[in-house]
Amino acid sequence: MRRITKVVALAVVLATLAPRATYGDPSRAYPDISALYYDFEVAGYCGLVTNRVGLGFQRRSAELIAEHDLDQETVNRLRGEAWQAAHAEWQNRGLGGFRNWCRTEGRAAAEHISKMADSAP
């Protein structure tokens, strides 16, 4: 029984390490907006989304959507992938480990996005 569990675990690890196809993978096609969405989700998990962070996110995401001429389906997929990545990262932190994640990555993400609030609309 333990052997089967180890084989299954190894198969899962190998499957996650296998290169993903870029066809139909918007996060690889649009890394700038994927990073913005991920940062916003991390800031949200950490409770760091202020009005200023929200404004910066709205401004920059609108710019990127227009720049890349993205349709709503692609935007939704990018947001979903960013949420999944942030959620997985939060889960990986363990009991209390997310505090340091929020103190470091979360705070940096919120500060980075809030600076975008100053850009011209």
N, C-alpha and C. Protein backbone atom coordinates (compact mmCIF):
# COMPACT_ATOMS: atom_id res chain seq x y z
N MET A 1 0.82 -1.20 0.00
CA MET A 1 0.00 0.00 0.00
C MET A 1 0.87 1.26 0.00
N ARG A 2 1.93 1.29 0.81
CA ARG A 2 2.80 2.45 0.86
C ARG A 2 3.51 2.65 -0.47
N ARG A 3 3.87 1.56 -1.12
CA ARG A 3 4.56 1.63 -2.41
C ARG A 3 3.68 2.30 -3.45
N ILE A 4 2.40 1.95 -3.47
CA ILE A 4 1.47 2.54 -4.43
C ILE A 4 1.33 4.04 -4.15
N THR A 5 1.25 4.41 -2.89
CA THR A 5 1.15 5.83 -2.54
C THR A 5 2.37 6.60 -3.02
N LYS A 6 3.55 6.02 -2.84
CA LYS A 6 4.77 6.69 -3.29
C LYS A 6 4.82 6.81 -4.80
N VAL A 7 4.36 5.78 -5.51
CA VAL A 7 4.35 5.81 -6.98
C VAL A 7 3.38 6.88 -7.46
N VAL A 8 2.21 6.96 -6.85
CA VAL A 8 1.22 7.97 -7.23
C VAL A 8 1.78 9.37 -6.94
N ALA A 9 2.39 9.54 -5.78
CA ALA A 9 2.97 10.84 -5.43
C ALA A 9 4.06 11.24 -6.43
N LEU A 10 4.89 10.29 -6.82
CA LEU A 10 5.94 10.58 -7.80
C LEU A 10 5.34 10.96 -9.14
N ALA A 11 4.28 10.28 -9.55
CA ALA A 11 3.62 10.59 -10.82
C ALA A 11 3.04 12.00 -10.80
N VAL A 12 2.47 12.39 -9.67
CA VAL A 12 1.91 13.74 -9.54
C VAL A 12 3.02 14.78 -9.64
N VAL A 13 4.13 14.54 -8.95
CA VAL A 13 5.25 15.48 -9.00
C VAL A 13 5.79 15.60 -10.42
N LEU A 14 5.98 14.49 -11.10
CA LEU A 14 6.50 14.52 -12.47
C LEU A 14 5.53 15.23 -13.41
N ALA A 15 4.24 15.02 -13.21
CA ALA A 15 3.25 15.68 -14.07
C ALA A 15 3.29 17.19 -13.88
N THR A 16 3.52 17.66 -12.66
CA THR A 16 3.55 19.10 -12.42
C THR A 16 4.84 19.71 -12.94
N LEU A 17 5.90 18.91 -13.05
CA LEU A 17 7.16 19.43 -13.56
C LEU A 17 7.24 19.41 -15.09
N ALA A 18 6.36 18.67 -15.72
CA ALA A 18 6.37 18.59 -17.18
C ALA A 18 6.04 19.95 -17.77
N PRO A 19 6.72 20.33 -18.85
CA PRO A 19 6.44 21.65 -19.45
C PRO A 19 5.01 21.72 -19.96
N ARG A 20 4.39 22.86 -19.67
CA ARG A 20 3.02 23.08 -20.14
C ARG A 20 3.05 23.68 -21.53
N ALA A 21 2.08 23.33 -22.31
CA ALA A 21 1.98 23.89 -23.66
C ALA A 21 1.60 25.36 -23.56
N THR A 22 2.18 26.19 -24.39
CA THR A 22 1.86 27.61 -24.33
C THR A 22 0.59 27.91 -25.14
N TYR A 23 0.19 27.02 -26.02
CA TYR A 23 -1.02 27.24 -26.79
C TYR A 23 -2.21 27.28 -25.85
N GLY A 24 -2.95 28.36 -25.90
CA GLY A 24 -4.12 28.48 -25.05
C GLY A 24 -3.79 28.80 -23.60
N ASP A 25 -2.56 29.12 -23.29
CA ASP A 25 -2.16 29.43 -21.92
C ASP A 25 -1.93 30.93 -21.81
N PRO A 26 -2.97 31.67 -21.43
CA PRO A 26 -2.84 33.14 -21.43
C PRO A 26 -1.81 33.67 -20.46
N SER A 27 -1.52 32.95 -19.37
CA SER A 27 -0.55 33.48 -18.41
C SER A 27 0.84 33.56 -19.01
N ARG A 28 1.16 32.68 -19.95
CA ARG A 28 2.46 32.75 -20.62
C ARG A 28 2.45 33.78 -21.74
N ALA A 29 1.32 33.97 -22.33
CA ALA A 29 1.21 34.94 -23.42
C ALA A 29 1.18 36.37 -22.90
N TYR A 30 0.70 36.57 -21.68
CA TYR A 30 0.56 37.91 -21.10
C TYR A 30 1.14 37.93 -19.69
N PRO A 31 2.44 37.78 -19.55
CA PRO A 31 3.03 37.69 -18.20
C PRO A 31 2.86 38.96 -17.38
N ASP A 32 2.79 40.13 -18.03
CA ASP A 32 2.65 41.38 -17.28
C ASP A 32 1.31 41.47 -16.57
N ILE A 33 0.25 41.11 -17.26
CA ILE A 33 -1.07 41.19 -16.62
C ILE A 33 -1.25 40.02 -15.65
N SER A 34 -0.65 38.88 -15.94
CA SER A 34 -0.71 37.75 -15.01
C SER A 34 -0.04 38.11 -13.69
N ALA A 35 1.09 38.77 -13.75
CA ALA A 35 1.81 39.19 -12.54
C ALA A 35 0.98 40.21 -11.76
N LEU A 36 0.35 41.14 -12.45
CA LEU A 36 -0.49 42.14 -11.79
C LEU A 36 -1.65 41.45 -11.07
N TYR A 37 -2.32 40.54 -11.74
CA TYR A 37 -3.44 39.84 -11.12
C TYR A 37 -2.97 39.00 -9.93
N TYR A 38 -1.83 38.35 -10.05
CA TYR A 38 -1.30 37.55 -8.94
C TYR A 38 -1.00 38.46 -7.74
N ASP A 39 -0.33 39.57 -8.00
CA ASP A 39 -0.01 40.50 -6.91
C ASP A 39 -1.28 41.00 -6.22
N PHE A 40 -2.30 41.29 -7.01
CA PHE A 40 -3.55 41.78 -6.44
C PHE A 40 -4.21 40.70 -5.58
N GLU A 41 -4.16 39.45 -6.04
CA GLU A 41 -4.74 38.35 -5.27
C GLU A 41 -3.96 38.15 -3.97
N VAL A 42 -2.63 38.23 -4.02
CA VAL A 42 -1.81 38.08 -2.82
C VAL A 42 -2.15 39.20 -1.83
N ALA A 43 -2.23 40.42 -2.32
CA ALA A 43 -2.59 41.54 -1.45
C ALA A 43 -3.97 41.30 -0.83
N GLY A 44 -4.88 40.73 -1.59
CA GLY A 44 -6.20 40.42 -1.07
C GLY A 44 -6.16 39.35 0.02
N TYR A 45 -5.40 38.30 -0.20
CA TYR A 45 -5.27 37.24 0.81
C TYR A 45 -4.70 37.82 2.11
N CYS A 46 -3.86 38.80 1.98
CA CYS A 46 -3.19 39.37 3.15
C CYS A 46 -3.98 40.53 3.76
N GLY A 47 -5.12 40.86 3.19
CA GLY A 47 -5.93 41.94 3.73
C GLY A 47 -5.32 43.32 3.52
N LEU A 48 -4.56 43.46 2.43
CA LEU A 48 -3.84 44.71 2.18
C LEU A 48 -4.41 45.53 1.02
N VAL A 49 -5.61 45.19 0.57
CA VAL A 49 -6.22 45.94 -0.52
C VAL A 49 -6.94 47.15 0.05
N THR A 50 -6.34 48.30 -0.17
CA THR A 50 -6.92 49.57 0.25
C THR A 50 -7.58 50.21 -0.97
N ASN A 51 -8.20 51.37 -0.77
CA ASN A 51 -8.77 52.09 -1.92
C ASN A 51 -7.68 52.42 -2.93
N ARG A 52 -6.52 52.80 -2.44
CA ARG A 52 -5.39 53.17 -3.31
C ARG A 52 -4.89 51.95 -4.11
N VAL A 53 -4.79 50.80 -3.46
CA VAL A 53 -4.39 49.57 -4.16
C VAL A 53 -5.44 49.22 -5.21
N GLY A 54 -6.70 49.33 -4.84
CA GLY A 54 -7.78 49.05 -5.80
C GLY A 54 -7.73 49.97 -7.00
N LEU A 55 -7.49 51.26 -6.77
CA LEU A 55 -7.40 52.22 -7.86
C LEU A 55 -6.21 51.91 -8.76
N GLY A 56 -5.07 51.62 -8.16
CA GLY A 56 -3.90 51.27 -8.95
C GLY A 56 -4.13 50.03 -9.79
N PHE A 57 -4.78 49.03 -9.19
CA PHE A 57 -5.09 47.81 -9.92
C PHE A 57 -6.03 48.10 -11.08
N GLN A 58 -7.08 48.86 -10.83
CA GLN A 58 -8.05 49.17 -11.89
C GLN A 58 -7.38 49.91 -13.04
N ARG A 59 -6.57 50.89 -12.73
CA ARG A 59 -5.91 51.68 -13.78
C ARG A 59 -4.97 50.82 -14.61
N ARG A 60 -4.09 50.09 -13.93
CA ARG A 60 -3.09 49.30 -14.66
C ARG A 60 -3.72 48.14 -15.42
N SER A 61 -4.70 47.47 -14.84
CA SER A 61 -5.34 46.37 -15.55
C SER A 61 -6.09 46.88 -16.78
N ALA A 62 -6.74 48.04 -16.67
CA ALA A 62 -7.42 48.61 -17.83
C ALA A 62 -6.43 48.94 -18.94
N GLU A 63 -5.26 49.48 -18.56
CA GLU A 63 -4.22 49.78 -19.55
C GLU A 63 -3.75 48.52 -20.25
N LEU A 64 -3.49 47.47 -19.48
CA LEU A 64 -2.98 46.23 -20.06
C LEU A 64 -4.02 45.51 -20.91
N ILE A 65 -5.26 45.54 -20.47
CA ILE A 65 -6.33 44.91 -21.26
C ILE A 65 -6.45 45.61 -22.60
N ALA A 66 -6.41 46.94 -22.59
CA ALA A 66 -6.49 47.70 -23.84
C ALA A 66 -5.25 47.48 -24.70
N GLU A 67 -4.08 47.50 -24.08
CA GLU A 67 -2.82 47.32 -24.80
C GLU A 67 -2.77 45.97 -25.52
N HIS A 68 -3.25 44.92 -24.86
CA HIS A 68 -3.22 43.58 -25.44
C HIS A 68 -4.52 43.23 -26.17
N ASP A 69 -5.50 44.14 -26.13
CA ASP A 69 -6.80 43.92 -26.77
C ASP A 69 -7.40 42.57 -26.33
N LEU A 70 -7.50 42.39 -25.02
CA LEU A 70 -7.97 41.12 -24.47
C LEU A 70 -9.49 41.07 -24.41
N ASP A 71 -10.03 39.90 -24.73
CA ASP A 71 -11.47 39.71 -24.58
C ASP A 71 -11.78 39.28 -23.14
N GLN A 72 -13.05 39.32 -22.78
CA GLN A 72 -13.44 39.05 -21.40
C GLN A 72 -13.10 37.62 -20.98
N GLU A 73 -13.22 36.67 -21.90
CA GLU A 73 -12.90 35.28 -21.58
C GLU A 73 -11.43 35.13 -21.17
N THR A 74 -10.54 35.78 -21.90
CA THR A 74 -9.12 35.72 -21.58
C THR A 74 -8.84 36.40 -20.25
N VAL A 75 -9.46 37.54 -20.02
CA VAL A 75 -9.29 38.25 -18.75
C VAL A 75 -9.75 37.36 -17.60
N ASN A 76 -10.89 36.70 -17.76
CA ASN A 76 -11.39 35.82 -16.71
C ASN A 76 -10.45 34.65 -16.45
N ARG A 77 -9.88 34.10 -17.51
CA ARG A 77 -8.93 32.99 -17.34
C ARG A 77 -7.68 33.46 -16.61
N LEU A 78 -7.19 34.64 -16.96
CA LEU A 78 -6.01 35.17 -16.29
C LEU A 78 -6.28 35.41 -14.81
N ARG A 79 -7.42 35.99 -14.51
CA ARG A 79 -7.79 36.23 -13.10
C ARG A 79 -7.91 34.93 -12.34
N GLY A 80 -8.55 33.94 -12.98
CA GLY A 80 -8.72 32.63 -12.34
C GLY A 80 -7.38 31.96 -12.06
N GLU A 81 -6.48 32.01 -13.02
CA GLU A 81 -5.16 31.41 -12.84
C GLU A 81 -4.38 32.12 -11.74
N ALA A 82 -4.51 33.43 -11.69
CA ALA A 82 -3.82 34.21 -10.65
C ALA A 82 -4.37 33.86 -9.28
N TRP A 83 -5.69 33.74 -9.17
CA TRP A 83 -6.29 33.36 -7.89
C TRP A 83 -5.82 31.98 -7.47
N GLN A 84 -5.81 31.03 -8.41
CA GLN A 84 -5.36 29.67 -8.08
C GLN A 84 -3.91 29.66 -7.61
N ALA A 85 -3.06 30.42 -8.29
CA ALA A 85 -1.64 30.48 -7.90
C ALA A 85 -1.48 31.09 -6.51
N ALA A 86 -2.20 32.17 -6.24
CA ALA A 86 -2.12 32.82 -4.93
C ALA A 86 -2.68 31.90 -3.83
N HIS A 87 -3.77 31.24 -4.14
CA HIS A 87 -4.38 30.33 -3.17
C HIS A 87 -3.43 29.16 -2.86
N ALA A 88 -2.81 28.61 -3.88
CA ALA A 88 -1.86 27.51 -3.68
C ALA A 88 -0.67 27.97 -2.85
N GLU A 89 -0.21 29.17 -3.12
CA GLU A 89 0.92 29.70 -2.35
C GLU A 89 0.53 29.92 -0.89
N TRP A 90 -0.66 30.44 -0.67
CA TRP A 90 -1.16 30.64 0.69
C TRP A 90 -1.26 29.31 1.42
N GLN A 91 -1.78 28.28 0.75
CA GLN A 91 -1.91 26.96 1.37
C GLN A 91 -0.55 26.35 1.69
N ASN A 92 0.45 26.62 0.86
CA ASN A 92 1.78 26.06 1.07
C ASN A 92 2.48 26.64 2.29
N ARG A 93 1.99 27.72 2.83
CA ARG A 93 2.67 28.40 3.92
C ARG A 93 2.46 27.72 5.27
N GLY A 94 1.47 26.89 5.42
CA GLY A 94 1.25 26.19 6.68
C GLY A 94 0.67 27.09 7.74
N LEU A 95 0.50 26.50 8.92
CA LEU A 95 -0.10 27.24 10.03
C LEU A 95 0.78 28.41 10.44
N GLY A 96 0.28 29.59 10.26
CA GLY A 96 1.01 30.79 10.66
C GLY A 96 2.09 31.23 9.69
N GLY A 97 2.49 30.37 8.76
CA GLY A 97 3.54 30.72 7.81
C GLY A 97 3.14 31.82 6.84
N PHE A 98 1.85 31.98 6.67
CA PHE A 98 1.37 33.02 5.76
C PHE A 98 1.64 34.42 6.31
N ARG A 99 1.86 34.53 7.60
CA ARG A 99 2.12 35.85 8.18
C ARG A 99 3.38 36.48 7.58
N ASN A 100 4.44 35.70 7.50
CA ASN A 100 5.68 36.21 6.90
C ASN A 100 5.48 36.48 5.41
N TRP A 101 4.73 35.61 4.75
CA TRP A 101 4.41 35.79 3.33
C TRP A 101 3.71 37.13 3.12
N CYS A 102 2.77 37.44 3.98
CA CYS A 102 2.05 38.71 3.89
C CYS A 102 2.95 39.89 4.24
N ARG A 103 3.81 39.68 5.22
CA ARG A 103 4.72 40.74 5.64
C ARG A 103 5.73 41.08 4.53
N THR A 104 6.08 40.09 3.73
CA THR A 104 7.09 40.31 2.68
C THR A 104 6.44 40.46 1.32
N GLU A 105 6.02 39.35 0.74
CA GLU A 105 5.46 39.38 -0.62
C GLU A 105 4.15 40.16 -0.69
N GLY A 106 3.30 39.98 0.29
CA GLY A 106 2.02 40.69 0.29
C GLY A 106 2.18 42.19 0.36
N ARG A 107 3.02 42.65 1.28
CA ARG A 107 3.25 44.08 1.42
C ARG A 107 3.90 44.67 0.17
N ALA A 108 4.88 43.94 -0.40
CA ALA A 108 5.55 44.42 -1.63
C ALA A 108 4.55 44.51 -2.78
N ALA A 109 3.66 43.54 -2.88
CA ALA A 109 2.66 43.55 -3.94
C ALA A 109 1.71 44.74 -3.78
N ALA A 110 1.24 44.96 -2.57
CA ALA A 110 0.31 46.07 -2.32
C ALA A 110 0.98 47.42 -2.60
N GLU A 111 2.23 47.57 -2.17
CA GLU A 111 2.94 48.83 -2.41
C GLU A 111 3.18 49.05 -3.90
N HIS A 112 3.53 48.01 -4.62
CA HIS A 112 3.77 48.11 -6.05
C HIS A 112 2.49 48.54 -6.78
N ILE A 113 1.39 47.92 -6.45
CA ILE A 113 0.12 48.26 -7.11
C ILE A 113 -0.35 49.65 -6.72
N SER A 114 -0.17 50.03 -5.46
CA SER A 114 -0.65 51.35 -5.03
C SER A 114 0.07 52.48 -5.76
N LYS A 115 1.33 52.25 -6.15
CA LYS A 115 2.06 53.26 -6.91
C LYS A 115 1.44 53.49 -8.28
N MET A 116 0.73 52.53 -8.79
CA MET A 116 0.08 52.64 -10.09
C MET A 116 -1.14 53.56 -10.03
N ALA A 117 -1.60 53.87 -8.83
CA ALA A 117 -2.73 54.78 -8.68
C ALA A 117 -2.37 56.19 -9.11
N ASP A 118 -1.07 56.52 -9.11
CA ASP A 118 -0.63 57.85 -9.47
C ASP A 118 -0.49 58.05 -10.98
N SER A 119 -0.53 56.95 -11.74
CA SER A 119 -0.37 57.08 -13.19
C SER A 119 -1.60 57.73 -13.80
N ALA A 120 -1.39 58.34 -14.94
CA ALA A 120 -2.51 59.01 -15.63
C ALA A 120 -3.53 57.99 -16.06
N PRO A 121 -4.81 58.32 -15.97
CA PRO A 121 -5.88 57.38 -16.34
C PRO A 121 -5.89 57.04 -17.80
